[in-house]
Amino acid sequence: MAFTPLHDRVLVERVESEEKTAGGLIIPDSAKEKPAEGMVVAVGAGAKDDDGDRIAMDVKEGDKILFGKWSGTEITVDGEELLIMKENDIMGILS
């Protein structure tokens, strides 16, 4: 990958949503919402505090995360559509 996020930013790949509802109905592409789940592809080194010390990141590469519906900025890296967002846009880590 040719992209490394800076500071407290995280590079995320969206996880595709289900094609069917729990009841078995197929959801057409036009009715699908963009998923709010993703896989962390890369993380920055962390923000700096007032003394200049790094604040460790809570997420790491490979974590499956949940983020806000309107979080992040869509970018294309090596032909792949990804999101870049600040760590505080992430709501939690899914296990």
C-alpha atoms as a PDB file:
ATOM      1  CA  MET A   1       0.000   0.000   0.000  1.00  0.00           C
ATOM      2  CA  ALA A   2       1.306   3.417  -0.937  1.00  0.00           C
ATOM      3  CA  PHE A   3      -0.550   5.387   1.758  1.00  0.00           C
ATOM      4  CA  THR A   4       0.231   5.894   5.446  1.00  0.00           C
ATOM      5  CA  PRO A   5      -2.176   7.999   7.550  1.00  0.00           C
ATOM      6  CA  LEU A   6      -0.696  10.710   9.752  1.00  0.00           C
ATOM      7  CA  HIS A   7      -1.293  11.458  13.429  1.00  0.00           C
ATOM      8  CA  ASP A   8      -4.608  10.021  14.722  1.00  0.00           C
ATOM      9  CA  ARG A   9      -6.059   9.131  11.324  1.00  0.00           C
ATOM     10  CA  VAL A  10      -7.182   5.633  10.310  1.00  0.00           C
ATOM     11  CA  LEU A  11      -7.556   4.100   6.836  1.00  0.00           C
ATOM     12  CA  VAL A  12     -10.656   1.871   6.646  1.00  0.00           C
ATOM     13  CA  GLU A  13     -12.083  -0.539   4.076  1.00  0.00           C
ATOM     14  CA  ARG A  14     -15.878  -0.830   4.240  1.00  0.00           C
ATOM     15  CA  VAL A  15     -17.345  -4.272   4.934  1.00  0.00           C
ATOM     16  CA  GLU A  16     -20.120  -5.036   2.452  1.00  0.00           C
ATOM     17  CA  SER A  17     -23.650  -5.267   3.844  1.00  0.00           C
ATOM     18  CA  GLU A  18     -25.953  -8.248   3.521  1.00  0.00           C
ATOM     19  CA  GLU A  19     -27.720  -8.877   0.208  1.00  0.00           C
ATOM     20  CA  LYS A  20     -30.862 -10.165   1.973  1.00  0.00           C
ATOM     21  CA  THR A  21     -32.965  -9.117   4.961  1.00  0.00           C
ATOM     22  CA  ALA A  22     -33.502 -11.445   7.934  1.00  0.00           C
ATOM     23  CA  GLY A  23     -36.843 -12.400   6.350  1.00  0.00           C
ATOM     24  CA  GLY A  24     -35.160 -13.428   3.086  1.00  0.00           C
ATOM     25  CA  LEU A  25     -36.017 -10.396   0.913  1.00  0.00           C
ATOM     26  CA  ILE A  26     -33.293  -9.385  -1.544  1.00  0.00           C
ATOM     27  CA  ILE A  27     -32.198  -5.761  -1.188  1.00  0.00           C
ATOM     28  CA  PRO A  28     -31.527  -4.016  -4.529  1.00  0.00           C
ATOM     29  CA  ASP A  29     -28.334  -1.941  -4.860  1.00  0.00           C
ATOM     30  CA  SER A  30     -30.360   1.279  -5.120  1.00  0.00           C
ATOM     31  CA  ALA A  31     -31.930   0.692  -1.679  1.00  0.00           C
ATOM     32  CA  LYS A  32     -28.763  -0.335   0.167  1.00  0.00           C
ATOM     33  CA  GLU A  33     -27.204   2.023   2.658  1.00  0.00           C
ATOM     34  CA  LYS A  34     -23.460   2.329   2.869  1.00  0.00           C
ATOM     35  CA  PRO A  35     -22.265   0.071   5.668  1.00  0.00           C
ATOM     36  CA  ALA A  36     -21.008   1.598   8.891  1.00  0.00           C
ATOM     37  CA  GLU A  37     -18.664  -1.328   9.529  1.00  0.00           C
ATOM     38  CA  GLY A  38     -15.150  -1.632   8.239  1.00  0.00           C
ATOM     39  CA  MET A  39     -11.746  -3.216   8.540  1.00  0.00           C
ATOM     40  CA  VAL A  40      -8.779  -1.079   9.597  1.00  0.00           C
ATOM     41  CA  VAL A  41      -6.186  -1.124   6.805  1.00  0.00           C
ATOM     42  CA  ALA A  42      -3.600   1.286   8.284  1.00  0.00           C
ATOM     43  CA  VAL A  43      -3.230   3.580  11.303  1.00  0.00           C
ATOM     44  CA  GLY A  44      -1.194   6.686  11.977  1.00  0.00           C
ATOM     45  CA  ALA A  45       1.378   7.015  14.756  1.00  0.00           C
ATOM     46  CA  GLY A  46      -1.097   8.810  17.055  1.00  0.00           C
ATOM     47  CA  ALA A  47      -1.765  12.407  18.019  1.00  0.00           C
ATOM     48  CA  LYS A  48       0.630  14.382  20.207  1.00  0.00           C
ATOM     49  CA  ASP A  49      -0.284  15.794  23.603  1.00  0.00           C
ATOM     50  CA  ASP A  50       0.708  19.255  24.892  1.00  0.00           C
ATOM     51  CA  ASP A  51       4.165  17.981  25.881  1.00  0.00           C
ATOM     52  CA  GLY A  52       4.827  16.527  22.426  1.00  0.00           C
ATOM     53  CA  ASP A  53       4.449  12.889  23.531  1.00  0.00           C
ATOM     54  CA  ARG A  54       2.523  10.480  21.305  1.00  0.00           C
ATOM     55  CA  ILE A  55      -0.901   9.293  22.435  1.00  0.00           C
ATOM     56  CA  ALA A  56      -1.177   5.575  21.596  1.00  0.00           C
ATOM     57  CA  MET A  57      -3.893   4.549  19.142  1.00  0.00           C
ATOM     58  CA  ASP A  58      -6.709   2.292  20.441  1.00  0.00           C
ATOM     59  CA  VAL A  59      -7.195   0.563  17.069  1.00  0.00           C
ATOM     60  CA  LYS A  60      -4.718  -1.452  15.025  1.00  0.00           C
ATOM     61  CA  GLU A  61      -4.528  -2.923  11.542  1.00  0.00           C
ATOM     62  CA  GLY A  62      -6.995  -5.769  11.078  1.00  0.00           C
ATOM     63  CA  ASP A  63      -9.547  -4.536  13.667  1.00  0.00           C
ATOM     64  CA  LYS A  64     -13.204  -4.701  12.584  1.00  0.00           C
ATOM     65  CA  ILE A  65     -14.794  -1.405  13.600  1.00  0.00           C
ATOM     66  CA  LEU A  66     -18.104   0.418  13.758  1.00  0.00           C
ATOM     67  CA  PHE A  67     -18.167   4.091  12.724  1.00  0.00           C
ATOM     68  CA  GLY A  68     -20.703   6.863  12.226  1.00  0.00           C
ATOM     69  CA  LYS A  69     -22.826   6.932   9.078  1.00  0.00           C
ATOM     70  CA  TRP A  70     -21.294  10.186   7.808  1.00  0.00           C
ATOM     71  CA  SER A  71     -17.778   9.623   9.162  1.00  0.00           C
ATOM     72  CA  GLY A  72     -14.624   9.872   7.129  1.00  0.00           C
ATOM     73  CA  THR A  73     -13.615  11.005   3.672  1.00  0.00           C
ATOM     74  CA  GLU A  74     -13.772   8.642   0.716  1.00  0.00           C
ATOM     75  CA  ILE A  75     -10.480   8.216  -1.139  1.00  0.00           C
ATOM     76  CA  THR A  76      -9.157   5.835  -3.797  1.00  0.00           C
ATOM     77  CA  VAL A  77      -5.783   4.176  -3.180  1.00  0.00           C
ATOM     78  CA  ASP A  78      -4.364   1.724  -5.734  1.00  0.00           C
ATOM     79  CA  GLY A  79      -7.828   1.497  -7.349  1.00  0.00           C
ATOM     80  CA  GLU A  80      -9.470   0.552  -4.052  1.00  0.00           C
ATOM     81  CA  GLU A  81     -12.201   2.716  -2.467  1.00  0.00           C
ATOM     82  CA  LEU A  82     -11.310   3.433   1.174  1.00  0.00           C
ATOM     83  CA  LEU A  83     -12.236   5.843   3.961  1.00  0.00           C
ATOM     84  CA  ILE A  84      -9.865   7.970   5.979  1.00  0.00           C
ATOM     85  CA  MET A  85     -11.130   9.206   9.340  1.00  0.00           C
ATOM     86  CA  LYS A  86      -9.931  10.399  12.706  1.00  0.00           C
ATOM     87  CA  GLU A  87      -9.798   7.831  15.464  1.00  0.00           C
ATOM     88  CA  ASN A  88     -12.499   9.654  17.455  1.00  0.00           C
ATOM     89  CA  ASP A  89     -14.983   9.000  14.575  1.00  0.00           C
ATOM     90  CA  ILE A  90     -14.772   5.294  15.444  1.00  0.00           C
ATOM     91  CA  MET A  91     -17.482   4.155  17.854  1.00  0.00           C
ATOM     92  CA  GLY A  92     -16.007   0.800  18.774  1.00  0.00           C
ATOM     93  CA  ILE A  93     -14.184  -2.394  17.863  1.00  0.00           C
ATOM     94  CA  LEU A  94     -16.302  -5.416  16.907  1.00  0.00           C
ATOM     95  CA  SER A  95     -15.146  -8.832  18.114  1.00  0.00           C
END
